[in-house]
Amino acid sequence: MQAPRSARTLARAAAPAGFASIALCALSSSSRAQIHFSIDYKGMTIGTPATGSGVPITEGDILVPAAPGMLPAYGPLPPPMIFASGGFGPPAPGLGLPAHPGCIGHPPAFPCGVEVDALSYGMDYAVPRRPLPAGTYVFSVDECSSGFPGFPLPANVFTEAPVGDAAADIFQDLGLPPGPLPPGAPVGNTGIVDGNGLVSASGFVYPGVGIIEPTFPVAGPTGDDIDALEMDSAGPGPLGVFFSLDAAFINPCLGIPNTGSAMANGFLPGMVLNTPAPGGPPMVYAPPPLLGLDIFGPGTDDLDALALAENGIPGFQPSALPYDWTLAGGPDMLLYSVRRGSAVVGMPDSFFGIPIEPGDILTTPVAGGMSPFPAIFIAAEQLGLSTLRSGGGPVADLDALDTRVIGQTGIPYCFGTAALCPCANAGAPGHGCANSAFPAGALLTATGTASVAADTVSLVSSNVPPGKLTLYFQGTTRTGGGFGITLNDGVLCVGGPGIIRLGTHPASATGGSSYPDVGLGQLPVSVKGAIPAAGGTRHYAVWHRDPTAFCTAATSNYSNGLTIVWTP
């Protein structure tokens, strides 16, 4: 994860040996889409031998996908690898929880006192006070959650929850104004990482991390639930790992107690803990009162998700209005959620004075605010998550969270995999199928502001055979449920009745081009694509000539797909 201010960058460069050295040894140099996570104690992956080490997985371990590059991939996939244990090892020292050694090998659905239910490496994106591109907030939900219908980008929580796939998946927002944000009209979410990487019962598919689906709200063993999350990071920063443990009170959805892992290790479930060096000992970083928690007594609230941008100054410096975390010497950004059943749920938040929900992204209380409880920073409805206060379906519990820097406009999807590319000519992760000039395959990205009234979007292609014709086109649907369909030498990602040819451009000597090209008199994307004034969702891809029939008799190929959510 990229720190937003220079002090954090310098601190990371000077990181001592420890967790950072594990990251350098264990992970590839590319951390573009790496995912570190933990899973709930009831999941069937608990007790499964981890790929690589063979050590049984516990709910206290930090896991990574076992696919090439430790990146999400299409299934079937092997079980995850253990990046850091919940204790002192094996296979690698981790959080230093005293209860962990006795939990290695325990079966699923038997609580063992080591569940980690929130995770951060302290280098999450300190979200600025401006509108943010889609994908800034990434999250997962528990197995009892649901979402609002009608969003433009399935798969999402609404489509995946009824078939039991939401709890093992990771979703992202669709672009939000700066917080604090009250409920308002639901904006929505879309799935970006799957549990097992296989086609869901809903018909959708995206790359997975090697855990088990479906996951249903039952007391016994079931599929897996991503319970803590850190994305786009190769490993912990200079201050180590930040995390939280589980409460012991009753889960009102399942009717059974939670695991009580916090108390089992001598802590409270509303605390943010910090293990600065592998193997511990863990210590308290942020106590519950500073977060507006445990007002009704110790252990009555459970911090359930965490995104932290640590400012490098020892200790926790709480946020205060106007929540500007990007200023040098400013406070720490600490965003979190609370587990369903926490005493603070239903209490008025300190900023808007509205009932707190387990799907809300919260932050520290407003000094002199409307209550002593946490402040709502992003209301659950903005993420497309159902709530009691808005009359949705089963109330959503946001139980894993991260914030990240988004360097491009749009949401990439539909990649060239060996399973779909016609000659198993898979491209690099995130690209289309390999072509005669570039084994990595063509890549489509975008930059600029996706606003109909102020359109500065530029579609950019690379890795196209030099000098060959490139066609940019727009569609209204994602083909193959977002997976794409095999066509010519590649995979077609865009479809629908409203296909529009935006324009053509020959690829440069290095294989690149862009649309629009003002020098050619090409219209802005929103104008040529006839995007309504109210905005809308459209999908984009690049078709290109490839005169060498190295794969099939066809002489053309495609890039990946890219979805853009246009605002007014």
Protein backbone atom coordinates (compact mmCIF):
# COMPACT_ATOMS: atom_id res chain seq x y z
CA MET A 1 0.00 0.00 0.00
CA GLN A 2 1.32 3.39 -0.88
CA ALA A 3 1.68 6.03 1.83
CA PRO A 4 0.28 9.42 0.83
CA ARG A 5 2.87 11.70 2.34
CA SER A 6 6.63 11.82 2.22
CA ALA A 7 7.17 11.19 5.95
CA ARG A 8 5.58 7.76 5.56
CA THR A 9 7.63 6.99 2.48
CA LEU A 10 10.85 7.86 4.28
CA ALA A 11 9.85 5.83 7.32
CA ARG A 12 9.18 2.78 5.19
CA ALA A 13 12.52 3.13 3.38
CA ALA A 14 14.26 3.05 6.75
CA ALA A 15 12.30 0.02 8.00
CA PRO A 16 14.24 -2.26 10.33
CA ALA A 17 14.58 -5.99 9.76
CA GLY A 18 11.46 -7.87 10.82
CA PHE A 19 8.15 -8.27 9.09
CA ALA A 20 9.56 -6.25 6.18
CA SER A 21 12.32 -8.83 5.66
CA ILE A 22 9.71 -11.58 5.52
CA ALA A 23 7.93 -9.69 2.78
CA LEU A 24 11.09 -9.33 0.71
CA CYS A 25 11.86 -13.01 0.94
CA ALA A 26 8.36 -14.37 0.57
CA LEU A 27 6.72 -12.23 -2.10
CA SER A 28 7.42 -11.27 -5.66
CA SER A 29 8.54 -7.77 -6.54
CA SER A 30 5.12 -6.95 -7.93
CA SER A 31 2.56 -6.12 -5.24
CA ARG A 32 0.03 -4.61 -7.61
CA ALA A 33 -2.82 -6.89 -6.58
CA GLN A 34 -1.49 -8.95 -3.73
CA ILE A 35 -3.98 -9.82 -1.02
CA HIS A 36 -3.28 -10.72 2.59
CA PHE A 37 -6.25 -11.98 4.59
CA SER A 38 -7.54 -14.12 7.43
CA ILE A 39 -10.59 -16.38 7.55
CA ASP A 40 -13.30 -17.10 10.11
CA TYR A 41 -12.96 -20.11 12.44
CA LYS A 42 -15.99 -21.90 10.95
CA GLY A 43 -14.60 -22.16 7.42
CA MET A 44 -13.68 -25.54 5.99
CA THR A 45 -10.19 -24.30 5.13
CA ILE A 46 -9.39 -24.22 8.87
CA GLY A 47 -7.14 -27.20 9.62
CA THR A 48 -6.27 -27.69 5.93
CA PRO A 49 -2.51 -27.99 5.26
CA ALA A 50 -1.29 -24.71 3.80
CA THR A 51 0.28 -24.82 0.36
CA GLY A 52 4.05 -24.81 0.56
CA SER A 53 4.54 -25.43 4.28
CA GLY A 54 1.88 -28.08 4.95
CA VAL A 55 1.15 -26.43 8.32
CA PRO A 56 -2.58 -26.56 9.17
CA ILE A 57 -4.24 -23.18 8.66
CA THR A 58 -5.79 -21.39 11.65
CA GLU A 59 -8.09 -18.38 11.93
CA GLY A 60 -5.17 -16.41 13.42
CA ASP A 61 -2.89 -16.76 10.38
CA ILE A 62 -2.30 -14.14 7.69
CA LEU A 63 -2.80 -15.90 4.36
CA VAL A 64 -1.91 -15.19 0.73
CA PRO A 65 -3.04 -16.89 -2.50
CA ALA A 66 -0.93 -19.84 -3.65
CA ALA A 67 -1.30 -18.88 -7.34
CA PRO A 68 1.69 -17.61 -9.40
CA GLY A 69 2.96 -14.32 -8.04
CA MET A 70 0.71 -14.82 -5.02
CA LEU A 71 -1.97 -12.99 -7.00
CA PRO A 72 -5.66 -13.89 -7.34
CA ALA A 73 -6.30 -16.36 -10.17
CA TYR A 74 -9.11 -18.31 -11.75
CA GLY A 75 -9.83 -21.65 -10.11
CA PRO A 76 -9.57 -24.42 -9.26
CA LEU A 77 -6.85 -23.25 -6.87
CA PRO A 78 -4.78 -24.87 -4.11
CA PRO A 79 -5.30 -23.80 -0.49
CA PRO A 80 -3.68 -20.49 0.50
CA MET A 81 -0.16 -20.14 1.87
CA ILE A 82 0.58 -18.86 5.38
CA PHE A 83 2.41 -15.55 5.08
CA ALA A 84 2.69 -15.05 8.85
CA SER A 85 1.33 -17.24 11.62
CA GLY A 86 -0.92 -16.06 14.40
CA GLY A 87 1.84 -16.93 16.85
CA PHE A 88 5.53 -17.74 16.68
CA GLY A 89 5.49 -20.07 13.67
CA PRO A 90 5.58 -22.42 11.88
CA PRO A 91 5.98 -21.68 9.05
CA ALA A 92 6.93 -18.07 9.84
CA PRO A 93 6.70 -16.01 13.02
CA GLY A 94 3.75 -13.67 13.06
CA LEU A 95 1.43 -11.93 15.50
CA GLY A 96 2.79 -13.53 18.66
CA LEU A 97 -0.56 -14.60 20.13
CA PRO A 98 0.06 -16.82 23.17
CA ALA A 99 -2.93 -19.06 22.39
CA HIS A 100 -1.83 -19.84 18.83
CA PRO A 101 0.48 -22.88 19.28
CA GLY A 102 -2.31 -24.94 20.82
CA CYS A 103 -4.67 -24.15 17.95
CA ILE A 104 -2.63 -25.54 15.07
CA GLY A 105 -4.59 -28.42 13.58
CA HIS A 106 -7.93 -27.81 15.28
CA PRO A 107 -11.02 -28.62 13.14
CA PRO A 108 -13.37 -25.97 11.72
CA ALA A 109 -16.26 -24.59 13.83
CA PHE A 110 -14.41 -25.25 17.10
CA PRO A 111 -13.37 -21.84 18.50
CA CYS A 112 -9.76 -21.85 19.64
CA GLY A 113 -9.05 -18.31 20.84
CA VAL A 114 -6.90 -16.94 17.99
CA GLU A 115 -9.37 -15.43 15.51
CA VAL A 116 -8.01 -12.25 13.84
CA ASP A 117 -10.91 -10.18 12.55
CA ALA A 118 -9.25 -6.92 11.42
CA LEU A 119 -5.91 -6.28 9.72
CA SER A 120 -3.75 -3.41 8.48
CA TYR A 121 -0.07 -2.82 7.84
CA GLY A 122 -0.43 0.85 8.79
CA MET A 123 0.22 2.10 5.23
CA ASP A 124 -3.35 2.28 3.92
CA TYR A 125 -4.35 5.20 1.72
CA ALA A 126 -5.12 8.32 3.76
CA VAL A 127 -8.23 9.27 1.78
CA PRO A 128 -8.18 12.97 0.85
CA ARG A 129 -11.05 15.46 0.98
CA ARG A 130 -12.06 15.19 -2.66
CA PRO A 131 -14.15 12.86 -4.84
CA LEU A 132 -12.43 9.51 -5.14
CA PRO A 133 -12.28 7.04 -8.04
CA ALA A 134 -14.06 3.72 -7.87
CA GLY A 135 -12.12 1.12 -5.93
CA THR A 136 -10.69 3.38 -3.23
CA TYR A 137 -12.59 1.38 -0.59
CA VAL A 138 -12.39 -2.43 -0.75
CA PHE A 139 -14.22 -4.67 1.69
CA SER A 140 -15.81 -8.01 2.50
CA VAL A 141 -18.97 -8.87 4.43
CA ASP A 142 -20.05 -11.71 6.70
CA GLU A 143 -22.23 -14.66 5.75
CA CYS A 144 -25.43 -13.03 7.10
CA SER A 145 -25.17 -9.90 4.94
CA SER A 146 -27.13 -8.64 1.98
CA GLY A 147 -27.15 -5.64 -0.34
CA PHE A 148 -29.57 -3.40 -2.17
CA PRO A 149 -30.82 -4.45 -5.64
CA GLY A 150 -30.48 -2.56 -8.88
CA PHE A 151 -26.79 -1.76 -9.06
CA PRO A 152 -25.19 -1.50 -12.49
CA LEU A 153 -22.21 -3.81 -11.92
CA PRO A 154 -22.99 -7.37 -10.93
CA ALA A 155 -21.49 -9.44 -9.41
CA ASN A 156 -22.04 -7.54 -6.16
CA VAL A 157 -23.17 -8.23 -2.60
CA PHE A 158 -26.81 -8.35 -3.69
CA THR A 159 -26.20 -11.02 -6.35
CA GLU A 160 -23.67 -13.08 -4.39
CA ALA A 161 -25.24 -13.18 -0.90
CA PRO A 162 -28.25 -15.38 -1.83
CA VAL A 163 -25.95 -18.08 -3.27
CA GLY A 164 -23.54 -17.98 -0.33
CA ASP A 165 -20.60 -16.38 -2.17
CA ALA A 166 -20.50 -12.89 -0.63
CA ALA A 167 -18.59 -13.76 2.56
CA ALA A 168 -15.56 -15.17 0.69
CA ASP A 169 -15.48 -12.37 -1.91
CA ILE A 170 -13.94 -8.90 -1.95
CA PHE A 171 -15.91 -5.93 -3.29
CA GLN A 172 -15.10 -2.33 -4.13
CA ASP A 173 -17.05 0.93 -4.10
CA LEU A 174 -18.18 2.60 -7.33
CA GLY A 175 -16.77 6.06 -6.64
CA LEU A 176 -17.76 8.31 -3.75
CA PRO A 177 -17.59 11.94 -2.65
CA PRO A 178 -15.38 12.75 0.33
CA GLY A 179 -16.58 11.66 3.77
CA PRO A 180 -18.31 11.99 6.10
CA LEU A 181 -21.23 10.63 4.03
CA PRO A 182 -24.73 10.07 5.44
CA PRO A 183 -26.95 7.23 4.14
CA GLY A 184 -28.46 8.91 1.05
CA ALA A 185 -29.34 6.88 -2.04
CA PRO A 186 -27.38 3.60 -2.32
CA VAL A 187 -24.41 3.91 -4.68
CA GLY A 188 -23.30 0.29 -4.88
CA ASN A 189 -20.36 -2.09 -5.17
CA THR A 190 -18.91 -4.68 -7.50
CA GLY A 191 -16.94 -7.87 -6.90
CA ILE A 192 -13.23 -7.86 -7.74
CA VAL A 193 -11.85 -10.94 -5.95
CA ASP A 194 -13.62 -14.25 -5.51
CA GLY A 195 -13.17 -16.92 -2.88
CA ASN A 196 -12.44 -19.92 -5.09
CA GLY A 197 -12.11 -18.31 -8.54
CA LEU A 198 -14.82 -20.56 -10.00
CA VAL A 199 -18.14 -19.62 -11.57
CA SER A 200 -20.60 -18.60 -8.86
CA ALA A 201 -24.10 -20.04 -8.68
CA SER A 202 -25.15 -16.52 -9.69
CA GLY A 203 -23.30 -16.99 -12.99
CA PHE A 204 -20.42 -14.58 -12.34
CA VAL A 205 -16.71 -15.29 -12.03
CA TYR A 206 -13.56 -13.37 -11.14
CA PRO A 207 -10.09 -14.34 -9.87
CA GLY A 208 -9.98 -16.01 -6.45
CA VAL A 209 -7.68 -16.70 -3.51
CA GLY A 210 -8.14 -20.46 -3.02
CA ILE A 211 -10.69 -20.68 -0.22
CA ILE A 212 -13.97 -22.57 -0.07
CA GLU A 213 -17.43 -21.45 -1.20
CA PRO A 214 -20.40 -21.26 -0.64
CA THR A 215 -20.62 -19.91 2.91
CA PHE A 216 -23.98 -19.94 4.67
CA PRO A 217 -25.15 -18.58 8.07
CA VAL A 218 -25.03 -21.83 10.04
CA ALA A 219 -23.53 -22.63 13.43
CA GLY A 220 -21.45 -25.56 12.16
CA PRO A 221 -18.69 -25.86 9.57
CA THR A 222 -19.34 -24.07 6.28
CA GLY A 223 -17.44 -22.30 3.52
CA ASP A 224 -14.93 -19.58 4.30
CA ASP A 225 -15.46 -15.97 5.34
CA ILE A 226 -12.73 -13.39 4.63
CA ASP A 227 -12.48 -11.88 8.09
CA ALA A 228 -9.59 -9.41 7.70
CA LEU A 229 -8.00 -7.83 4.64
CA GLU A 230 -4.93 -5.99 3.37
CA MET A 231 -4.57 -5.32 -0.39
CA ASP A 232 -1.83 -4.13 -2.74
CA SER A 233 0.91 -4.53 -0.16
CA ALA A 234 3.92 -6.86 -0.21
CA GLY A 235 4.05 -6.98 3.57
CA PRO A 236 4.02 -4.97 6.78
CA GLY A 237 5.53 -1.53 7.01
CA PRO A 238 8.12 -0.25 9.46
CA LEU A 239 5.70 -0.42 12.40
CA GLY A 240 4.64 -4.03 11.81
CA VAL A 241 1.12 -5.46 11.84
CA PHE A 242 -2.00 -3.82 13.24
CA PHE A 243 -4.99 -6.03 13.99
CA SER A 244 -7.92 -6.75 16.27
CA LEU A 245 -9.28 -9.89 17.89
CA ASP A 246 -12.74 -11.33 18.42
CA ALA A 247 -15.39 -10.71 21.07
CA ALA A 248 -17.13 -13.34 23.20
CA PHE A 249 -20.69 -11.98 23.08
CA ILE A 250 -23.48 -13.68 21.12
CA ASN A 251 -23.58 -13.33 17.35
CA PRO A 252 -27.24 -12.35 16.88
CA CYS A 253 -27.34 -13.79 13.36
CA LEU A 254 -26.10 -17.27 14.29
CA GLY A 255 -27.31 -17.37 17.90
CA ILE A 256 -23.94 -18.63 19.17
CA PRO A 257 -21.07 -16.91 21.01
CA ASN A 258 -18.16 -15.47 19.07
CA THR A 259 -14.74 -17.00 19.71
CA GLY A 260 -13.52 -14.70 22.50
CA SER A 261 -10.02 -14.61 21.01
CA ALA A 262 -9.35 -11.14 22.46
CA MET A 263 -9.88 -12.22 26.04
CA ALA A 264 -8.07 -15.51 25.44
CA ASN A 265 -4.92 -13.52 24.71
CA GLY A 266 -5.39 -10.85 27.38
CA PHE A 267 -6.96 -8.07 25.31
CA LEU A 268 -10.36 -6.49 24.57
CA PRO A 269 -12.15 -6.93 21.22
CA GLY A 270 -12.50 -3.17 20.75
CA MET A 271 -8.74 -2.62 20.81
CA VAL A 272 -6.44 -2.10 17.85
CA LEU A 273 -3.31 -4.11 18.57
CA ASN A 274 0.18 -3.83 17.11
CA THR A 275 2.89 -6.45 16.74
CA PRO A 276 5.95 -4.43 15.66
CA ALA A 277 8.26 -7.40 15.09
CA PRO A 278 7.57 -11.02 14.03
CA GLY A 279 6.57 -13.24 16.92
CA GLY A 280 5.39 -10.43 19.17
CA PRO A 281 4.71 -9.51 21.79
CA PRO A 282 1.58 -7.66 20.65
CA MET A 283 0.69 -4.43 22.41
CA VAL A 284 -2.27 -2.04 22.54
CA TYR A 285 -2.11 0.65 19.85
CA ALA A 286 -5.58 2.23 20.21
CA PRO A 287 -7.78 1.46 23.25
CA PRO A 288 -11.58 1.30 22.86
CA PRO A 289 -12.41 4.64 24.60
CA LEU A 290 -10.41 6.62 22.02
CA LEU A 291 -12.56 5.00 19.32
CA GLY A 292 -15.87 5.66 21.06
CA LEU A 293 -16.23 1.98 21.99
CA ASP A 294 -16.92 0.07 25.23
CA ILE A 295 -18.96 2.92 26.69
CA PHE A 296 -21.31 0.26 28.09
CA GLY A 297 -18.45 -1.71 29.64
CA PRO A 298 -15.25 -3.57 28.69
CA GLY A 299 -15.75 -6.07 25.89
CA THR A 300 -19.21 -4.85 24.84
CA ASP A 301 -18.00 -3.72 21.39
CA ASP A 302 -15.97 -5.59 18.78
CA LEU A 303 -13.88 -3.74 16.20
CA ASP A 304 -14.46 -5.82 13.06
CA ALA A 305 -12.59 -4.16 10.15
CA LEU A 306 -9.64 -1.79 9.96
CA ALA A 307 -7.95 0.66 7.57
CA LEU A 308 -5.05 2.58 9.11
CA ALA A 309 -2.69 5.24 7.73
CA GLU A 310 -0.09 5.60 10.48
CA ASN A 311 1.67 8.97 10.57
CA GLY A 312 4.97 7.58 11.89
CA ILE A 313 4.71 9.42 15.22
CA PRO A 314 4.77 6.96 18.14
CA GLY A 315 1.32 6.12 19.47
CA PHE A 316 -2.15 6.80 18.13
CA GLN A 317 -3.10 10.40 17.33
CA PRO A 318 -6.91 10.41 16.93
CA SER A 319 -8.57 12.16 14.03
CA ALA A 320 -10.71 15.24 14.37
CA LEU A 321 -12.83 17.26 11.98
CA PRO A 322 -12.34 18.04 9.13
CA TYR A 323 -10.70 14.59 8.88
CA ASP A 324 -7.80 15.75 6.74
CA TRP A 325 -5.26 12.97 7.17
CA THR A 326 -3.00 14.01 4.31
CA LEU A 327 -1.33 16.99 5.99
CA ALA A 328 2.23 16.53 7.20
CA GLY A 329 2.20 16.01 10.95
CA GLY A 330 -1.54 15.34 10.88
CA PRO A 331 -3.40 12.66 12.83
CA ASP A 332 -3.54 8.96 12.09
CA MET A 333 -6.38 7.85 9.82
CA LEU A 334 -8.19 5.02 11.59
CA LEU A 335 -11.32 3.74 9.86
CA TYR A 336 -13.15 0.72 11.20
CA SER A 337 -16.45 -1.11 11.53
CA VAL A 338 -18.06 -2.94 14.46
CA ARG A 339 -19.37 -6.48 14.54
CA ARG A 340 -23.10 -7.13 14.68
CA GLY A 341 -24.07 -7.54 18.34
CA SER A 342 -21.81 -4.72 19.52
CA ALA A 343 -23.48 -2.47 22.09
CA VAL A 344 -22.75 0.61 19.98
CA VAL A 345 -24.95 -0.66 17.11
CA GLY A 346 -28.14 1.40 17.04
CA MET A 347 -26.60 4.24 19.07
CA PRO A 348 -26.51 7.75 17.53
CA ASP A 349 -23.19 8.48 15.86
CA SER A 350 -21.36 11.62 16.92
CA PHE A 351 -21.41 13.36 13.53
CA PHE A 352 -24.89 12.86 12.02
CA GLY A 353 -26.74 11.65 15.11
CA ILE A 354 -28.13 8.63 13.24
CA PRO A 355 -28.11 4.97 14.37
CA ILE A 356 -24.82 3.16 13.82
CA GLU A 357 -25.00 0.01 11.68
CA PRO A 358 -22.52 -2.89 11.41
CA GLY A 359 -22.06 -2.05 7.71
CA ASP A 360 -20.88 1.53 8.34
CA ILE A 361 -17.28 2.69 8.00
CA LEU A 362 -16.66 4.53 11.27
CA THR A 363 -13.98 6.78 12.67
CA THR A 364 -13.17 8.40 15.99
CA PRO A 365 -15.86 10.47 17.76
CA VAL A 366 -16.29 14.15 17.00
CA ALA A 367 -15.15 16.26 19.95
CA GLY A 368 -18.26 17.95 21.32
CA GLY A 369 -20.35 16.06 18.80
CA MET A 370 -23.88 14.71 18.94
CA SER A 371 -22.89 11.71 21.08
CA PRO A 372 -19.82 10.08 22.63
CA PHE A 373 -20.04 7.23 20.12
CA PRO A 374 -18.03 6.78 16.88
CA ALA A 375 -18.63 9.04 13.90
CA ILE A 376 -20.00 7.57 10.68
CA PHE A 377 -17.47 8.29 7.93
CA ILE A 378 -19.06 6.29 5.08
CA ALA A 379 -22.62 5.09 5.63
CA ALA A 380 -23.25 1.47 4.63
CA GLU A 381 -25.82 2.51 2.03
CA GLN A 382 -23.13 4.34 0.07
CA LEU A 383 -21.42 0.95 -0.37
CA GLY A 384 -24.66 -0.74 -1.39
CA LEU A 385 -24.97 -2.62 1.91
CA SER A 386 -28.37 -3.23 3.50
CA THR A 387 -29.21 -1.61 6.82
CA LEU A 388 -32.02 -1.59 9.35
CA ARG A 389 -32.34 2.19 9.11
CA SER A 390 -32.98 2.05 5.34
CA GLY A 391 -35.29 -0.96 5.35
CA GLY A 392 -33.04 -3.24 3.34
CA GLY A 393 -32.84 -7.03 3.42
CA PRO A 394 -30.75 -8.93 5.97
CA VAL A 395 -28.54 -6.32 7.65
CA ALA A 396 -25.00 -6.26 6.29
CA ASP A 397 -21.89 -6.55 8.47
CA LEU A 398 -18.75 -5.11 6.91
CA ASP A 399 -16.08 -7.36 8.40
CA ALA A 400 -12.95 -6.55 6.36
CA LEU A 401 -11.76 -3.20 4.95
CA ASP A 402 -8.89 -1.50 3.17
CA THR A 403 -8.31 1.82 1.40
CA ARG A 404 -5.99 2.04 -1.57
CA VAL A 405 -4.57 4.38 -4.18
CA ILE A 406 -6.27 4.02 -7.55
CA GLY A 407 -3.93 5.05 -10.34
CA GLN A 408 -6.41 4.75 -13.20
CA THR A 409 -9.99 5.45 -14.14
CA GLY A 410 -12.31 2.46 -14.43
CA ILE A 411 -12.52 -1.11 -13.19
CA PRO A 412 -10.55 -3.73 -15.16
CA TYR A 413 -12.09 -7.16 -15.75
CA CYS A 414 -12.07 -10.10 -18.21
CA PHE A 415 -8.45 -11.17 -18.57
CA GLY A 416 -6.68 -13.51 -20.98
CA THR A 417 -6.35 -16.80 -19.12
CA ALA A 418 -5.13 -20.18 -20.34
CA ALA A 419 -8.65 -21.56 -19.84
CA LEU A 420 -10.24 -19.09 -22.28
CA CYS A 421 -7.50 -18.01 -24.69
CA PRO A 422 -7.93 -20.19 -27.80
CA CYS A 423 -4.41 -21.67 -27.79
CA ALA A 424 -3.83 -21.43 -24.03
CA ASN A 425 -2.01 -18.22 -25.02
CA ALA A 426 -2.57 -16.59 -21.65
CA GLY A 427 -1.33 -13.05 -21.23
CA ALA A 428 0.13 -11.38 -18.16
CA PRO A 429 -2.21 -10.85 -15.19
CA GLY A 430 -4.74 -8.15 -16.08
CA HIS A 431 -4.02 -8.24 -19.84
CA GLY A 432 -5.71 -9.83 -22.84
CA CYS A 433 -4.45 -13.00 -24.53
CA ALA A 434 -0.90 -13.08 -25.87
CA ASN A 435 -0.37 -11.78 -29.41
CA SER A 436 2.42 -12.26 -31.92
CA ALA A 437 4.40 -9.23 -30.74
CA PHE A 438 3.74 -9.23 -26.99
CA PRO A 439 3.42 -12.44 -24.93
CA ALA A 440 1.91 -10.29 -22.14
CA GLY A 441 -1.09 -9.46 -24.34
CA ALA A 442 -2.78 -6.12 -25.01
CA LEU A 443 -3.66 -3.92 -22.03
CA LEU A 444 -6.39 -1.28 -21.81
CA THR A 445 -6.30 1.36 -19.08
CA ALA A 446 -7.84 4.82 -18.68
CA THR A 447 -7.05 8.11 -17.00
CA GLY A 448 -9.01 11.29 -16.39
CA THR A 449 -12.35 12.31 -14.94
CA ALA A 450 -15.38 10.20 -15.93
CA SER A 451 -17.91 13.04 -15.75
CA VAL A 452 -20.28 13.79 -18.63
CA ALA A 453 -20.10 17.51 -17.87
CA ALA A 454 -16.30 17.56 -17.52
CA ASP A 455 -15.02 14.57 -19.49
CA THR A 456 -11.23 14.22 -19.54
CA VAL A 457 -11.14 10.41 -19.96
CA SER A 458 -8.38 9.00 -22.13
CA LEU A 459 -8.47 5.32 -23.08
CA VAL A 460 -4.92 4.02 -23.41
CA SER A 461 -3.80 0.76 -25.02
CA SER A 462 -0.38 -0.86 -24.91
CA ASN A 463 1.24 -4.10 -26.06
CA VAL A 464 -0.49 -3.96 -29.46
CA PRO A 465 1.60 -5.15 -32.47
CA PRO A 466 3.42 -2.00 -33.69
CA GLY A 467 1.78 -0.12 -36.53
CA LYS A 468 -1.34 -2.27 -36.57
CA LEU A 469 -4.87 -0.95 -36.50
CA THR A 470 -6.42 -0.51 -33.05
CA LEU A 471 -10.18 -0.09 -32.59
CA TYR A 472 -11.60 1.30 -29.34
CA PHE A 473 -15.20 0.26 -28.71
CA GLN A 474 -17.86 0.63 -26.04
CA GLY A 475 -20.63 -1.74 -24.97
CA THR A 476 -23.49 -2.01 -22.50
CA THR A 477 -22.76 -5.48 -21.08
CA ARG A 478 -19.87 -7.60 -19.87
CA THR A 479 -19.78 -10.77 -21.97
CA GLY A 480 -19.73 -14.18 -20.34
CA GLY A 481 -20.81 -12.82 -16.96
CA GLY A 482 -17.63 -10.73 -16.85
CA PHE A 483 -15.44 -13.70 -17.78
CA GLY A 484 -15.51 -13.03 -21.52
CA ILE A 485 -16.00 -15.35 -24.50
CA THR A 486 -13.34 -16.85 -26.73
CA LEU A 487 -13.18 -15.17 -30.15
CA ASN A 488 -10.44 -15.03 -32.81
CA ASP A 489 -7.04 -15.13 -31.05
CA GLY A 490 -8.38 -13.70 -27.80
CA VAL A 491 -11.30 -13.10 -25.46
CA LEU A 492 -14.14 -10.69 -26.22
CA CYS A 493 -15.08 -8.79 -23.06
CA VAL A 494 -17.70 -6.28 -24.24
CA GLY A 495 -21.17 -6.89 -25.67
CA GLY A 496 -24.78 -5.77 -25.66
CA PRO A 497 -27.13 -4.22 -28.20
CA GLY A 498 -25.50 -0.81 -27.91
CA ILE A 499 -21.99 -1.48 -29.25
CA ILE A 500 -20.36 1.78 -30.36
CA ARG A 501 -17.14 2.10 -32.35
CA LEU A 502 -15.38 5.00 -30.69
CA GLY A 503 -12.47 5.33 -33.08
CA THR A 504 -9.35 3.78 -34.55
CA HIS A 505 -5.68 4.53 -34.24
CA PRO A 506 -2.58 2.71 -35.51
CA ALA A 507 -0.35 1.45 -32.72
CA SER A 508 2.95 3.26 -32.30
CA ALA A 509 6.36 1.67 -32.80
CA THR A 510 6.23 0.65 -29.13
CA GLY A 511 2.70 -0.77 -29.37
CA GLY A 512 0.72 2.06 -27.78
CA SER A 513 -2.11 4.42 -28.70
CA SER A 514 -4.97 6.31 -27.09
CA TYR A 515 -8.49 7.58 -27.67
CA PRO A 516 -9.46 10.35 -28.17
CA ASP A 517 -6.67 11.78 -30.31
CA VAL A 518 -7.42 15.51 -30.56
CA GLY A 519 -5.10 15.80 -33.54
CA LEU A 520 -7.38 13.43 -35.46
CA GLY A 521 -10.49 15.36 -34.43
CA GLN A 522 -11.80 12.52 -32.29
CA LEU A 523 -14.66 13.35 -29.94
CA PRO A 524 -14.52 12.86 -26.15
CA VAL A 525 -15.46 9.36 -24.99
CA SER A 526 -18.72 10.50 -23.38
CA VAL A 527 -19.79 12.36 -26.55
CA LYS A 528 -18.89 9.64 -29.04
CA GLY A 529 -20.28 7.02 -26.66
CA ALA A 530 -23.57 8.95 -26.22
CA ILE A 531 -23.43 8.77 -22.44
CA PRO A 532 -26.65 10.30 -21.00
CA ALA A 533 -26.35 13.56 -19.08
CA ALA A 534 -27.29 11.69 -15.91
CA GLY A 535 -24.32 9.36 -16.37
CA GLY A 536 -24.29 5.59 -16.64
CA THR A 537 -22.12 2.48 -16.74
CA ARG A 538 -20.31 1.42 -19.90
CA HIS A 539 -17.70 -1.20 -20.76
CA TYR A 540 -14.66 -0.75 -23.02
CA ALA A 541 -12.13 -2.90 -24.88
CA VAL A 542 -9.66 -2.71 -27.73
CA TRP A 543 -9.67 -4.89 -30.87
CA HIS A 544 -6.44 -5.00 -32.82
CA ARG A 545 -5.06 -6.52 -35.99
CA ASP A 546 -2.41 -9.20 -35.65
CA PRO A 547 -1.29 -10.37 -39.07
CA THR A 548 0.62 -13.38 -37.80
CA ALA A 549 -1.78 -16.30 -37.43
CA PHE A 550 0.29 -17.77 -34.60
CA CYS A 551 -2.71 -19.16 -32.74
CA THR A 552 -5.75 -19.61 -35.00
CA ALA A 553 -6.54 -18.70 -38.58
CA ALA A 554 -7.88 -15.38 -37.30
CA THR A 555 -5.80 -12.23 -37.59
CA SER A 556 -7.11 -10.20 -34.66
CA ASN A 557 -7.09 -10.16 -30.88
CA TYR A 558 -8.48 -8.19 -27.91
CA SER A 559 -7.40 -6.41 -24.76
CA ASN A 560 -8.86 -6.89 -21.32
CA GLY A 561 -12.16 -5.18 -20.52
CA LEU A 562 -12.56 -1.94 -18.58
CA THR A 563 -15.75 -0.71 -16.90
CA ILE A 564 -16.27 3.02 -16.34
CA VAL A 565 -19.03 4.42 -14.14
CA TRP A 566 -19.89 7.84 -15.57
CA THR A 567 -21.19 10.58 -13.28
CA PRO A 568 -23.28 13.58 -14.45
